[in-house]
C-alpha atoms as a PDB file:
ATOM      1  CA  MET A   1      77.171 111.309  98.220  1.00  0.00           C
ATOM      2  CA  ILE A   2      77.682 107.531  99.169  1.00  0.00           C
ATOM      3  CA  ARG A   3      80.165 105.998 101.772  1.00  0.00           C
ATOM      4  CA  ILE A   4      81.361 102.859 102.009  1.00  0.00           C
ATOM      5  CA  PRO A   5      83.455 101.683 104.538  1.00  0.00           C
ATOM      6  CA  ILE A   6      86.493  99.283 104.157  1.00  0.00           C
ATOM      7  CA  ASP A   7      86.655  97.672 107.191  1.00  0.00           C
ATOM      8  CA  LEU A   8      90.554  96.809 107.834  1.00  0.00           C
ATOM      9  CA  GLY A   9      90.819  97.707 111.703  1.00  0.00           C
ATOM     10  CA  ALA A  10      93.513  99.897 111.999  1.00  0.00           C
ATOM     11  CA  ALA A  11      93.837 100.507 108.420  1.00  0.00           C
ATOM     12  CA  ALA A  12      90.145 101.198 107.723  1.00  0.00           C
ATOM     13  CA  TYR A  13      89.239 103.723 105.431  1.00  0.00           C
ATOM     14  CA  GLU A  14      85.965 105.148 103.295  1.00  0.00           C
ATOM     15  CA  VAL A  15      85.123 105.272  99.782  1.00  0.00           C
ATOM     16  CA  LEU A  16      83.260 108.432  98.750  1.00  0.00           C
ATOM     17  CA  ILE A  17      81.315 108.084  95.793  1.00  0.00           C
ATOM     18  CA  GLY A  18      79.321 110.814  94.234  1.00  0.00           C
ATOM     19  CA  ALA A  19      79.253 114.020  91.606  1.00  0.00           C
ATOM     20  CA  GLY A  20      81.368 117.217  92.008  1.00  0.00           C
ATOM     21  CA  LEU A  21      83.816 115.614  94.936  1.00  0.00           C
ATOM     22  CA  LEU A  22      87.290 116.841  93.411  1.00  0.00           C
ATOM     23  CA  THR A  23      86.259 120.433  95.000  1.00  0.00           C
ATOM     24  CA  SER A  24      86.006 118.621  98.530  1.00  0.00           C
ATOM     25  CA  ILE A  25      89.501 116.805  98.501  1.00  0.00           C
ATOM     26  CA  GLY A  26      91.274 119.589 100.293  1.00  0.00           C
ATOM     27  CA  GLN A  27      88.461 119.670 103.217  1.00  0.00           C
ATOM     28  CA  GLU A  28      88.812 115.640 103.224  1.00  0.00           C
ATOM     29  CA  ALA A  29      92.578 116.013 103.665  1.00  0.00           C
ATOM     30  CA  GLY A  30      92.211 118.459 106.132  1.00  0.00           C
ATOM     31  CA  ARG A  31      90.301 116.062 108.366  1.00  0.00           C
ATOM     32  CA  LEU A  32      92.589 113.484 107.619  1.00  0.00           C
ATOM     33  CA  PHE A  33      95.903 115.186 108.039  1.00  0.00           C
ATOM     34  CA  PRO A  34      95.594 118.193 110.541  1.00  0.00           C
ATOM     35  CA  GLU A  35      99.292 118.230 111.066  1.00  0.00           C
ATOM     36  CA  ARG A  36     100.679 117.842 107.340  1.00  0.00           C
ATOM     37  CA  LYS A  37     100.985 120.511 105.111  1.00  0.00           C
ATOM     38  CA  ALA A  38     103.235 119.443 102.302  1.00  0.00           C
ATOM     39  CA  CYS A  39     101.914 117.123  99.497  1.00  0.00           C
ATOM     40  CA  ALA A  40     102.133 115.792  95.989  1.00  0.00           C
ATOM     41  CA  VAL A  41      99.266 115.568  93.511  1.00  0.00           C
ATOM     42  CA  VAL A  42     100.627 112.636  91.143  1.00  0.00           C
ATOM     43  CA  SER A  43      98.929 112.509  87.782  1.00  0.00           C
ATOM     44  CA  ASP A  44      99.262 111.652  84.009  1.00  0.00           C
ATOM     45  CA  SER A  45      99.416 113.796  80.776  1.00  0.00           C
ATOM     46  CA  THR A  46      95.885 112.729  80.150  1.00  0.00           C
ATOM     47  CA  VAL A  47      94.247 113.468  83.495  1.00  0.00           C
ATOM     48  CA  ALA A  48      96.100 116.292  84.892  1.00  0.00           C
ATOM     49  CA  PRO A  49      95.006 118.953  82.128  1.00  0.00           C
ATOM     50  CA  LEU A  50      91.425 117.995  82.633  1.00  0.00           C
ATOM     51  CA  HIS A  51      91.450 117.947  86.539  1.00  0.00           C
ATOM     52  CA  ALA A  52      94.535 118.618  88.502  1.00  0.00           C
ATOM     53  CA  ASP A  53      93.581 122.557  88.713  1.00  0.00           C
ATOM     54  CA  LYS A  54      90.758 121.988  90.682  1.00  0.00           C
ATOM     55  CA  VAL A  55      92.253 119.387  93.252  1.00  0.00           C
ATOM     56  CA  MET A  56      95.085 121.629  93.563  1.00  0.00           C
ATOM     57  CA  GLU A  57      92.978 124.543  94.378  1.00  0.00           C
ATOM     58  CA  SER A  58      91.057 122.738  96.574  1.00  0.00           C
ATOM     59  CA  LEU A  59      94.200 121.657  98.510  1.00  0.00           C
ATOM     60  CA  LYS A  60      95.516 125.180  98.271  1.00  0.00           C
ATOM     61  CA  THR A  61      92.556 126.631  99.890  1.00  0.00           C
ATOM     62  CA  GLN A  62      92.636 124.626 103.045  1.00  0.00           C
ATOM     63  CA  GLY A  63      96.280 125.529 103.809  1.00  0.00           C
ATOM     64  CA  PHE A  64      98.244 122.781 101.796  1.00  0.00           C
ATOM     65  CA  GLN A  65     101.283 123.371  99.937  1.00  0.00           C
ATOM     66  CA  PRO A  66     101.065 121.092  96.805  1.00  0.00           C
ATOM     67  CA  ILE A  67     103.346 120.112  94.231  1.00  0.00           C
ATOM     68  CA  LEU A  68     101.981 118.395  90.683  1.00  0.00           C
ATOM     69  CA  ILE A  69     103.903 115.499  89.437  1.00  0.00           C
ATOM     70  CA  VAL A  70     102.943 114.547  85.807  1.00  0.00           C
ATOM     71  CA  VAL A  71     104.001 111.308  84.085  1.00  0.00           C
ATOM     72  CA  PRO A  72     102.872 110.365  80.753  1.00  0.00           C
ATOM     73  CA  ALA A  73      99.830 108.600  80.233  1.00  0.00           C
ATOM     74  CA  GLY A  74      99.486 104.751  79.454  1.00  0.00           C
ATOM     75  CA  GLU A  75     100.591 101.347  80.996  1.00  0.00           C
ATOM     76  CA  PRO A  76     104.333 101.920  79.997  1.00  0.00           C
ATOM     77  CA  SER A  77     104.337 104.432  82.863  1.00  0.00           C
ATOM     78  CA  LYS A  78     104.332 101.597  85.572  1.00  0.00           C
ATOM     79  CA  CYS A  79     107.953 101.185  85.659  1.00  0.00           C
ATOM     80  CA  PHE A  80     111.075 101.821  87.614  1.00  0.00           C
ATOM     81  CA  GLY A  81     111.860 105.019  85.858  1.00  0.00           C
ATOM     82  CA  GLN A  82     108.675 106.602  86.511  1.00  0.00           C
ATOM     83  CA  LEU A  83     108.789 105.561  90.132  1.00  0.00           C
ATOM     84  CA  GLU A  84     112.142 106.665  90.652  1.00  0.00           C
ATOM     85  CA  GLN A  85     111.008 110.327  88.688  1.00  0.00           C
ATOM     86  CA  ILE A  86     108.220 110.691  91.435  1.00  0.00           C
ATOM     87  CA  VAL A  87     110.159 109.958  94.375  1.00  0.00           C
ATOM     88  CA  ARG A  88     113.243 111.967  93.510  1.00  0.00           C
ATOM     89  CA  GLU A  89     110.931 114.811  92.704  1.00  0.00           C
ATOM     90  CA  MET A  90     109.612 114.608  96.080  1.00  0.00           C
ATOM     91  CA  ILE A  91     112.465 114.612  97.874  1.00  0.00           C
ATOM     92  CA  ARG A  92     114.186 117.474  95.597  1.00  0.00           C
ATOM     93  CA  ALA A  93     110.906 119.465  97.010  1.00  0.00           C
ATOM     94  CA  GLY A  94     111.461 118.749 100.345  1.00  0.00           C
ATOM     95  CA  LEU A  95     108.756 116.701 100.889  1.00  0.00           C
ATOM     96  CA  ASP A  96     109.560 114.229 103.868  1.00  0.00           C
ATOM     97  CA  ARG A  97     107.626 111.649 105.878  1.00  0.00           C
ATOM     98  CA  LYS A  98     105.765 114.144 107.002  1.00  0.00           C
ATOM     99  CA  ALA A  99     104.387 114.796 103.646  1.00  0.00           C
ATOM    100  CA  PHE A 100     101.252 112.856 101.804  1.00  0.00           C
ATOM    101  CA  LEU A 101     100.420 111.820  98.169  1.00  0.00           C
ATOM    102  CA  VAL A 102      97.246 112.266  96.299  1.00  0.00           C
ATOM    103  CA  ALA A 103      96.939 109.822  93.218  1.00  0.00           C
ATOM    104  CA  LEU A 104      94.793 111.410  90.809  1.00  0.00           C
ATOM    105  CA  GLY A 105      93.981 109.352  87.890  1.00  0.00           C
ATOM    106  CA  GLY A 106      93.251 105.913  86.473  1.00  0.00           C
ATOM    107  CA  GLY A 107      94.581 102.310  87.357  1.00  0.00           C
ATOM    108  CA  VAL A 108      97.921 103.086  86.360  1.00  0.00           C
ATOM    109  CA  ILE A 109      98.503 106.312  88.336  1.00  0.00           C
ATOM    110  CA  GLY A 110      96.765 104.473  91.110  1.00  0.00           C
ATOM    111  CA  ASP A 111      99.142 101.744  91.572  1.00  0.00           C
ATOM    112  CA  LEU A 112     102.282 103.545  90.458  1.00  0.00           C
ATOM    113  CA  ALA A 113     101.678 106.522  92.843  1.00  0.00           C
ATOM    114  CA  GLY A 114     100.340 104.236  95.722  1.00  0.00           C
ATOM    115  CA  PHE A 115     103.664 102.407  95.293  1.00  0.00           C
ATOM    116  CA  ALA A 116     105.858 105.572  95.244  1.00  0.00           C
ATOM    117  CA  ALA A 117     103.889 106.517  98.495  1.00  0.00           C
ATOM    118  CA  ALA A 118     104.662 102.984 100.034  1.00  0.00           C
ATOM    119  CA  ILE A 119     108.656 103.732  99.489  1.00  0.00           C
ATOM    120  CA  HIS A 120     108.650 107.206  99.989  1.00  0.00           C
ATOM    121  CA  TYR A 121     110.834 107.647 103.310  1.00  0.00           C
ATOM    122  CA  ARG A 122     109.805 104.125 104.188  1.00  0.00           C
ATOM    123  CA  GLY A 123     106.177 104.969 103.841  1.00  0.00           C
ATOM    124  CA  ILE A 124     103.630 108.245 103.763  1.00  0.00           C
ATOM    125  CA  PRO A 125      99.969 108.179 103.662  1.00  0.00           C
ATOM    126  CA  TYR A 126      98.131 108.611 100.346  1.00  0.00           C
ATOM    127  CA  LEU A 127      94.589 109.297  98.958  1.00  0.00           C
ATOM    128  CA  GLN A 128      93.066 107.797  95.898  1.00  0.00           C
ATOM    129  CA  VAL A 129      91.179 110.135  93.512  1.00  0.00           C
ATOM    130  CA  PRO A 130      90.348 107.659  90.721  1.00  0.00           C
ATOM    131  CA  THR A 131      89.099 109.095  87.733  1.00  0.00           C
ATOM    132  CA  THR A 132      88.266 105.970  85.297  1.00  0.00           C
ATOM    133  CA  VAL A 133      85.536 103.166  85.839  1.00  0.00           C
ATOM    134  CA  LEU A 134      87.925 100.554  86.192  1.00  0.00           C
ATOM    135  CA  ALA A 135      89.965 102.531  89.011  1.00  0.00           C
ATOM    136  CA  GLN A 136      86.558 103.711  90.689  1.00  0.00           C
ATOM    137  CA  VAL A 137      85.328 100.044  90.936  1.00  0.00           C
ATOM    138  CA  ASP A 138      88.097  98.299  91.184  1.00  0.00           C
ATOM    139  CA  SER A 139      92.002  99.025  91.527  1.00  0.00           C
ATOM    140  CA  SER A 140      91.463 102.261  93.857  1.00  0.00           C
ATOM    141  CA  VAL A 141      90.332  99.793  96.666  1.00  0.00           C
ATOM    142  CA  GLY A 142      92.107  97.240  98.374  1.00  0.00           C
ATOM    143  CA  GLY A 143      95.902  98.712  98.803  1.00  0.00           C
ATOM    144  CA  LYS A 144      97.941  96.644  96.081  1.00  0.00           C
ATOM    145  CA  THR A 145     100.279  99.073  94.355  1.00  0.00           C
ATOM    146  CA  GLY A 146     103.108  98.092  92.196  1.00  0.00           C
ATOM    147  CA  ILE A 147     104.684  98.139  88.807  1.00  0.00           C
ATOM    148  CA  ASN A 148     105.367  96.156  85.821  1.00  0.00           C
ATOM    149  CA  THR A 149     108.645  94.572  84.392  1.00  0.00           C
ATOM    150  CA  ALA A 150     109.138  92.685  80.979  1.00  0.00           C
ATOM    151  CA  GLU A 151     108.662  89.388  82.885  1.00  0.00           C
ATOM    152  CA  GLY A 152     105.425  90.195  84.221  1.00  0.00           C
ATOM    153  CA  LYS A 153     102.477  92.286  85.124  1.00  0.00           C
ATOM    154  CA  ASN A 154     102.519  93.932  88.959  1.00  0.00           C
ATOM    155  CA  LEU A 155     105.353  91.325  90.258  1.00  0.00           C
ATOM    156  CA  ILE A 156     107.102  94.396  91.909  1.00  0.00           C
ATOM    157  CA  GLY A 157     104.879  96.164  94.819  1.00  0.00           C
ATOM    158  CA  ALA A 158     103.440  96.477  98.143  1.00  0.00           C
ATOM    159  CA  PHE A 159     100.552  96.257 100.144  1.00  0.00           C
ATOM    160  CA  HIS A 160      99.637  99.854 101.043  1.00  0.00           C
ATOM    161  CA  GLN A 161      96.201 101.051 101.954  1.00  0.00           C
ATOM    162  CA  PRO A 162      95.025 104.754 101.086  1.00  0.00           C
ATOM    163  CA  LYS A 163      93.652 106.818 103.778  1.00  0.00           C
ATOM    164  CA  LEU A 164      90.732 107.653 101.356  1.00  0.00           C
ATOM    165  CA  VAL A 165      89.229 106.867  98.166  1.00  0.00           C
ATOM    166  CA  LEU A 166      87.420 109.560  96.630  1.00  0.00           C
ATOM    167  CA  ALA A 167      85.403 108.698  93.318  1.00  0.00           C
ATOM    168  CA  ASP A 168      84.042 111.676  91.431  1.00  0.00           C
ATOM    169  CA  VAL A 169      81.591 110.446  88.930  1.00  0.00           C
ATOM    170  CA  GLU A 170      81.817 113.362  86.911  1.00  0.00           C
ATOM    171  CA  THR A 171      85.436 112.738  85.853  1.00  0.00           C
ATOM    172  CA  LEU A 172      83.893 109.377  84.038  1.00  0.00           C
ATOM    173  CA  GLY A 173      82.401 112.026  81.480  1.00  0.00           C
ATOM    174  CA  THR A 174      85.733 113.040  80.103  1.00  0.00           C
ATOM    175  CA  LEU A 175      86.585 109.315  79.554  1.00  0.00           C
ATOM    176  CA  PRO A 176      87.012 108.131  75.900  1.00  0.00           C
ATOM    177  CA  ARG A 177      84.632 105.221  74.874  1.00  0.00           C
ATOM    178  CA  ARG A 178      87.220 102.752  75.151  1.00  0.00           C
ATOM    179  CA  ALA A 179      88.236 103.660  78.436  1.00  0.00           C
ATOM    180  CA  TRP A 180      84.743 103.768  79.600  1.00  0.00           C
ATOM    181  CA  ASN A 181      83.883 100.105  78.239  1.00  0.00           C
ATOM    182  CA  GLU A 182      87.163  98.441  79.561  1.00  0.00           C
ATOM    183  CA  GLY A 183      86.041  99.446  83.478  1.00  0.00           C
ATOM    184  CA  PHE A 184      83.210  97.445  82.501  1.00  0.00           C
ATOM    185  CA  ALA A 185      85.155  94.051  82.762  1.00  0.00           C
ATOM    186  CA  GLU A 186      86.096  94.501  86.098  1.00  0.00           C
ATOM    187  CA  ILE A 187      82.248  95.195  87.035  1.00  0.00           C
ATOM    188  CA  ILE A 188      81.297  92.131  85.317  1.00  0.00           C
ATOM    189  CA  LYS A 189      83.703  89.796  87.243  1.00  0.00           C
ATOM    190  CA  HIS A 190      82.381  91.220  90.125  1.00  0.00           C
ATOM    191  CA  ALA A 191      78.832  90.087  89.645  1.00  0.00           C
ATOM    192  CA  ALA A 192      80.332  86.865  88.089  1.00  0.00           C
ATOM    193  CA  ILE A 193      82.219  85.651  90.950  1.00  0.00           C
ATOM    194  CA  GLN A 194      79.770  87.645  93.690  1.00  0.00           C
ATOM    195  CA  ASP A 195      76.460  88.828  92.884  1.00  0.00           C
ATOM    196  CA  ALA A 196      74.416  87.700  89.807  1.00  0.00           C
ATOM    197  CA  THR A 197      71.786  90.426  91.103  1.00  0.00           C
ATOM    198  CA  LEU A 198      74.352  92.848  89.515  1.00  0.00           C
ATOM    199  CA  LEU A 199      73.509  91.892  86.148  1.00  0.00           C
ATOM    200  CA  PRO A 200      70.294  93.828  85.405  1.00  0.00           C
ATOM    201  CA  LEU A 201      71.724  97.256  86.489  1.00  0.00           C
ATOM    202  CA  ILE A 202      74.994  96.229  84.293  1.00  0.00           C
ATOM    203  CA  ARG A 203      72.591  96.107  81.279  1.00  0.00           C
ATOM    204  CA  GLU A 204      70.867  99.210  82.466  1.00  0.00           C
ATOM    205  CA  VAL A 205      73.825 101.106  82.393  1.00  0.00           C
ATOM    206  CA  ALA A 206      75.074  99.553  78.721  1.00  0.00           C
ATOM    207  CA  VAL A 207      72.225 101.202  77.289  1.00  0.00           C
ATOM    208  CA  GLY A 208      72.260 104.364  79.152  1.00  0.00           C
ATOM    209  CA  GLU A 209      69.371 103.994  81.639  1.00  0.00           C
ATOM    210  CA  GLY A 210      71.164 102.885  84.826  1.00  0.00           C
ATOM    211  CA  ASN A 211      72.433 104.528  87.764  1.00  0.00           C
ATOM    212  CA  MET A 212      76.320 104.751  87.457  1.00  0.00           C
ATOM    213  CA  SER A 213      77.019 105.977  91.209  1.00  0.00           C
ATOM    214  CA  GLU A 214      74.642 102.631  92.359  1.00  0.00           C
ATOM    215  CA  LEU A 215      76.714 100.430  90.321  1.00  0.00           C
ATOM    216  CA  ILE A 216      80.016 101.561  91.443  1.00  0.00           C
ATOM    217  CA  ALA A 217      78.787 101.643  95.217  1.00  0.00           C
ATOM    218  CA  ARG A 218      77.850  98.240  95.036  1.00  0.00           C
ATOM    219  CA  ASN A 219      81.221  97.271  93.315  1.00  0.00           C
ATOM    220  CA  VAL A 220      83.342  98.852  95.769  1.00  0.00           C
ATOM    221  CA  ALA A 221      81.225  97.163  98.456  1.00  0.00           C
ATOM    222  CA  ILE A 222      81.914  93.794  96.919  1.00  0.00           C
ATOM    223  CA  LYS A 223      85.439  94.375  96.627  1.00  0.00           C
ATOM    224  CA  GLY A 224      85.560  95.814 100.077  1.00  0.00           C
ATOM    225  CA  ARG A 225      84.102  92.898 101.453  1.00  0.00           C
ATOM    226  CA  ILE A 226      86.794  90.578 100.046  1.00  0.00           C
ATOM    227  CA  VAL A 227      89.420  92.738 100.829  1.00  0.00           C
ATOM    228  CA  ALA A 228      88.409  92.996 104.603  1.00  0.00           C
ATOM    229  CA  ALA A 229      88.251  89.383 104.881  1.00  0.00           C
ATOM    230  CA  ASP A 230      91.535  88.565 103.288  1.00  0.00           C
ATOM    231  CA  GLU A 231      93.628  91.841 103.137  1.00  0.00           C
ATOM    232  CA  PHE A 232      97.042  90.190 102.092  1.00  0.00           C
ATOM    233  CA  GLU A 233      95.745  87.312  99.864  1.00  0.00           C
ATOM    234  CA  THR A 234      96.695  84.854 102.387  1.00  0.00           C
ATOM    235  CA  LYS A 235      93.317  82.983 102.887  1.00  0.00           C
ATOM    236  CA  GLY A 236      92.263  82.271  99.190  1.00  0.00           C
ATOM    237  CA  LEU A 237      89.397  84.670  99.365  1.00  0.00           C
ATOM    238  CA  ARG A 238      91.086  87.725  97.654  1.00  0.00           C
ATOM    239  CA  ALA A 239      92.340  85.402  95.223  1.00  0.00           C
ATOM    240  CA  LEU A 240      88.648  85.283  93.910  1.00  0.00           C
ATOM    241  CA  LEU A 241      88.894  88.773  92.404  1.00  0.00           C
ATOM    242  CA  ASN A 242      91.779  87.227  90.029  1.00  0.00           C
ATOM    243  CA  PHE A 243      88.750  85.601  87.934  1.00  0.00           C
ATOM    244  CA  GLY A 244      89.929  86.151  84.574  1.00  0.00           C
ATOM    245  CA  HIS A 245      93.226  87.748  85.243  1.00  0.00           C
ATOM    246  CA  THR A 246      95.678  84.670  85.090  1.00  0.00           C
ATOM    247  CA  ILE A 247      95.406  84.236  81.764  1.00  0.00           C
ATOM    248  CA  GLY A 248      94.318  87.855  81.320  1.00  0.00           C
ATOM    249  CA  HIS A 249      97.414  89.346  82.432  1.00  0.00           C
ATOM    250  CA  ALA A 250      99.600  86.963  80.302  1.00  0.00           C
ATOM    251  CA  ILE A 251      97.635  88.083  77.350  1.00  0.00           C
ATOM    252  CA  GLU A 252      98.153  91.873  78.549  1.00  0.00           C
ATOM    253  CA  SER A 253     101.899  91.491  78.997  1.00  0.00           C
ATOM    254  CA  CYS A 254     102.196  89.758  75.364  1.00  0.00           C
ATOM    255  CA  ALA A 255     100.636  92.310  73.593  1.00  0.00           C
ATOM    256  CA  GLY A 256     102.880  94.968  74.825  1.00  0.00           C
ATOM    257  CA  TYR A 257     101.566  97.360  77.686  1.00  0.00           C
ATOM    258  CA  GLY A 258      99.302  99.628  76.479  1.00  0.00           C
ATOM    259  CA  GLU A 259      98.442  97.884  73.159  1.00  0.00           C
ATOM    260  CA  LEU A 260      95.671  96.443  75.050  1.00  0.00           C
ATOM    261  CA  LEU A 261      93.779  97.877  77.781  1.00  0.00           C
ATOM    262  CA  HIS A 262      94.000  95.964  81.140  1.00  0.00           C
ATOM    263  CA  GLY A 263      89.963  95.442  80.996  1.00  0.00           C
ATOM    264  CA  GLU A 264      90.196  94.223  77.284  1.00  0.00           C
ATOM    265  CA  ALA A 265      92.933  91.450  78.251  1.00  0.00           C
ATOM    266  CA  ILE A 266      90.661  90.449  81.191  1.00  0.00           C
ATOM    267  CA  ALA A 267      87.844  90.253  79.206  1.00  0.00           C
ATOM    268  CA  LEU A 268      89.409  87.566  77.068  1.00  0.00           C
ATOM    269  CA  GLY A 269      90.793  85.973  80.204  1.00  0.00           C
ATOM    270  CA  MET A 270      87.024  85.831  81.516  1.00  0.00           C
ATOM    271  CA  LYS A 271      86.034  84.039  78.582  1.00  0.00           C
ATOM    272  CA  ALA A 272      88.953  81.513  78.843  1.00  0.00           C
ATOM    273  CA  ALA A 273      88.118  81.210  82.486  1.00  0.00           C
ATOM    274  CA  LEU A 274      84.377  80.470  81.656  1.00  0.00           C
ATOM    275  CA  HIS A 275      85.417  77.839  78.829  1.00  0.00           C
ATOM    276  CA  LEU A 276      87.464  76.109  81.741  1.00  0.00           C
ATOM    277  CA  SER A 277      84.276  76.406  84.545  1.00  0.00           C
ATOM    278  CA  CYS A 278      82.020  74.750  81.971  1.00  0.00           C
ATOM    279  CA  LYS A 279      84.626  71.727  81.695  1.00  0.00           C
ATOM    280  CA  HIS A 280      85.590  71.479  85.259  1.00  0.00           C
ATOM    281  CA  THR A 281      82.812  72.790  87.667  1.00  0.00           C
ATOM    282  CA  GLY A 282      79.745  72.153  85.540  1.00  0.00           C
ATOM    283  CA  LEU A 283      79.085  75.969  84.878  1.00  0.00           C
ATOM    284  CA  THR A 284      76.217  75.783  82.512  1.00  0.00           C
ATOM    285  CA  SER A 285      76.719  76.883  78.800  1.00  0.00           C
ATOM    286  CA  ALA A 286      73.460  79.047  79.418  1.00  0.00           C
ATOM    287  CA  ALA A 287      75.347  80.852  82.656  1.00  0.00           C
ATOM    288  CA  ALA A 288      78.579  81.234  80.497  1.00  0.00           C
ATOM    289  CA  GLY A 289      76.777  82.781  77.612  1.00  0.00           C
ATOM    290  CA  GLU A 290      75.114  85.425  79.798  1.00  0.00           C
ATOM    291  CA  ILE A 291      78.775  86.522  80.941  1.00  0.00           C
ATOM    292  CA  ASN A 292      79.834  86.349  77.280  1.00  0.00           C
ATOM    293  CA  ASP A 293      76.893  88.654  76.189  1.00  0.00           C
ATOM    294  CA  LEU A 294      77.591  91.122  78.696  1.00  0.00           C
ATOM    295  CA  ILE A 295      81.413  91.561  77.588  1.00  0.00           C
ATOM    296  CA  ALA A 296      80.132  91.964  73.781  1.00  0.00           C
ATOM    297  CA  MET A 297      77.683  94.371  75.115  1.00  0.00           C
ATOM    298  CA  PHE A 298      80.664  96.784  76.040  1.00  0.00           C
ATOM    299  CA  HIS A 299      82.720  96.177  72.698  1.00  0.00           C
ATOM    300  CA  LEU A 300      85.454  94.257  74.652  1.00  0.00           C
ATOM    301  CA  PRO A 301      87.372  91.869  72.540  1.00  0.00           C
ATOM    302  CA  THR A 302      86.292  88.073  72.527  1.00  0.00           C
ATOM    303  CA  HIS A 303      89.202  86.629  70.030  1.00  0.00           C
ATOM    304  CA  LEU A 304      92.937  86.904  70.587  1.00  0.00           C
ATOM    305  CA  PRO A 305      95.218  88.718  68.429  1.00  0.00           C
ATOM    306  CA  ALA A 306      96.439  86.705  65.435  1.00  0.00           C
ATOM    307  CA  THR A 307     100.021  87.826  66.108  1.00  0.00           C
ATOM    308  CA  MET A 308      99.912  86.376  69.630  1.00  0.00           C
ATOM    309  CA  THR A 309     101.645  83.189  70.038  1.00  0.00           C
ATOM    310  CA  ASP A 310     100.823  80.476  72.128  1.00  0.00           C
ATOM    311  CA  ALA A 311     104.363  80.057  73.258  1.00  0.00           C
ATOM    312  CA  ALA A 312     104.649  83.525  74.247  1.00  0.00           C
ATOM    313  CA  ILE A 313     101.283  83.461  76.661  1.00  0.00           C
ATOM    314  CA  LEU A 314     102.169  80.271  78.294  1.00  0.00           C
ATOM    315  CA  GLU A 315     105.760  81.538  79.219  1.00  0.00           C
ATOM    316  CA  LYS A 316     104.347  84.732  80.715  1.00  0.00           C
ATOM    317  CA  LEU A 317     101.682  82.290  82.858  1.00  0.00           C
ATOM    318  CA  SER A 318     104.853  80.341  84.048  1.00  0.00           C
ATOM    319  CA  ARG A 319     105.713  83.627  85.947  1.00  0.00           C
ATOM    320  CA  ASP A 320     102.492  84.593  87.196  1.00  0.00           C
ATOM    321  CA  LYS A 321     102.418  85.228  90.737  1.00  0.00           C
ATOM    322  CA  LYS A 322      99.078  83.503  91.195  1.00  0.00           C
ATOM    323  CA  PHE A 323     100.828  80.305  90.817  1.00  0.00           C
ATOM    324  CA  ASP A 324     102.015  78.696  93.970  1.00  0.00           C
ATOM    325  CA  GLN A 325     105.538  76.714  93.818  1.00  0.00           C
ATOM    326  CA  GLY A 326     104.499  75.676  90.449  1.00  0.00           C
ATOM    327  CA  GLN A 327     100.892  74.845  90.991  1.00  0.00           C
ATOM    328  CA  ILE A 328      98.359  76.392  88.955  1.00  0.00           C
ATOM    329  CA  ARG A 329      95.828  78.426  91.131  1.00  0.00           C
ATOM    330  CA  PHE A 330      92.887  79.297  89.146  1.00  0.00           C
ATOM    331  CA  VAL A 331      89.332  81.193  89.831  1.00  0.00           C
ATOM    332  CA  LEU A 332      86.502  78.975  88.392  1.00  0.00           C
ATOM    333  CA  LEU A 333      82.944  79.916  88.480  1.00  0.00           C
ATOM    334  CA  ASP A 334      80.243  76.884  90.108  1.00  0.00           C
ATOM    335  CA  SER A 335      77.431  79.468  88.668  1.00  0.00           C
ATOM    336  CA  ILE A 336      77.157  83.083  88.201  1.00  0.00           C
ATOM    337  CA  GLY A 337      77.909  84.800  91.705  1.00  0.00           C
ATOM    338  CA  SER A 338      79.477  81.932  93.010  1.00  0.00           C
ATOM    339  CA  ALA A 339      83.125  81.434  92.544  1.00  0.00           C
ATOM    340  CA  HIS A 340      86.053  79.083  94.028  1.00  0.00           C
ATOM    341  CA  LEU A 341      89.906  78.855  93.743  1.00  0.00           C
ATOM    342  CA  SER A 342      90.986  75.325  92.116  1.00  0.00           C
ATOM    343  CA  ASP A 343      93.876  73.375  91.776  1.00  0.00           C
ATOM    344  CA  VAL A 344      92.400  70.753  88.991  1.00  0.00           C
ATOM    345  CA  VAL A 345      93.544  73.255  85.936  1.00  0.00           C
ATOM    346  CA  THR A 346      96.436  71.472  84.012  1.00  0.00           C
ATOM    347  CA  ARG A 347      98.761  73.041  81.949  1.00  0.00           C
ATOM    348  CA  ARG A 348      96.815  71.396  78.683  1.00  0.00           C
ATOM    349  CA  ASP A 349      93.469  73.042  80.201  1.00  0.00           C
ATOM    350  CA  LEU A 350      95.489  76.389  79.568  1.00  0.00           C
ATOM    351  CA  GLN A 351      96.499  75.487  76.237  1.00  0.00           C
ATOM    352  CA  GLU A 352      93.053  74.534  75.652  1.00  0.00           C
ATOM    353  CA  ALA A 353      91.680  77.750  77.077  1.00  0.00           C
ATOM    354  CA  ILE A 354      93.986  79.736  74.465  1.00  0.00           C
ATOM    355  CA  ASP A 355      92.796  77.672  71.834  1.00  0.00           C
ATOM    356  CA  HIS A 356      89.381  78.428  72.878  1.00  0.00           C
ATOM    357  CA  LEU A 357      90.187  82.062  72.413  1.00  0.00           C
ATOM    358  CA  ARG A 358      91.449  81.863  69.011  1.00  0.00           C
END
């Protein structure tokens, strides 16, 4: 088992990475919550049949009294309706501020259940148990929780750090190929903004030869360092994690949540950001090509759906929370492994980048 510390002072926690960790969740919860007994395991209709029994049994063995709450699988569940269902089920079951929550699933469950934990009785502790590549390397770490609205993605939420992240790599063996591939958009992003030495390991994993636990651990360490330096995204450092996300989120929203997976939309956003980096920061075409080649290795999309209009994407972009009082803040690459937050990107540039994706 690999342990990666996330150094947030009083809110510090660890990310545990290894095989067969689901059976240890009860023991870990007992260490963290010796005075708590009631808890909710929140999962979705795809993950719960695969992994919930193991988690529930581990908790019961350690004397906990868990209830299981299952929401429909997919991005549309990140909404007010499902959020209300979770907290009301917890209230009806008698779970008060002395309870805790376990988020068992991918990024949707981590964001939704984490937000439920943030608001239930004004906040209860929770554990992240990510079961997808994307969630293990990215969304389970950092404490960002939230839901979507028709106006945009993740516009409503809270910073609420977990007490522990437990990433069991055996759960990745149950993923469909498309869900496996989408997680590598975030892995490629981390290499692009922070660590060019990750590229060979990513290529090895792409052909079935690399060490997945090592790759996850290195990605978690990258995100952990950035989050520790800028927990609430007030210093401009954490914003670097938004590479590919400004246009990517708009594309994901325009497609209709669930039509394009998050990582698929981010892959398109990264291609657009690479184009603008070549234009504004002198990123070489060879470097951009290296990142684009990795995106293609994981069969992620490289062109916009023909049905998606420029006007719709630009309208979603105007509501993006990465805009600052109308000023566009855009993450650009100087070179692979080096990124910065720029204010030189114009609305005309955004249109050009969208055209590039055609």
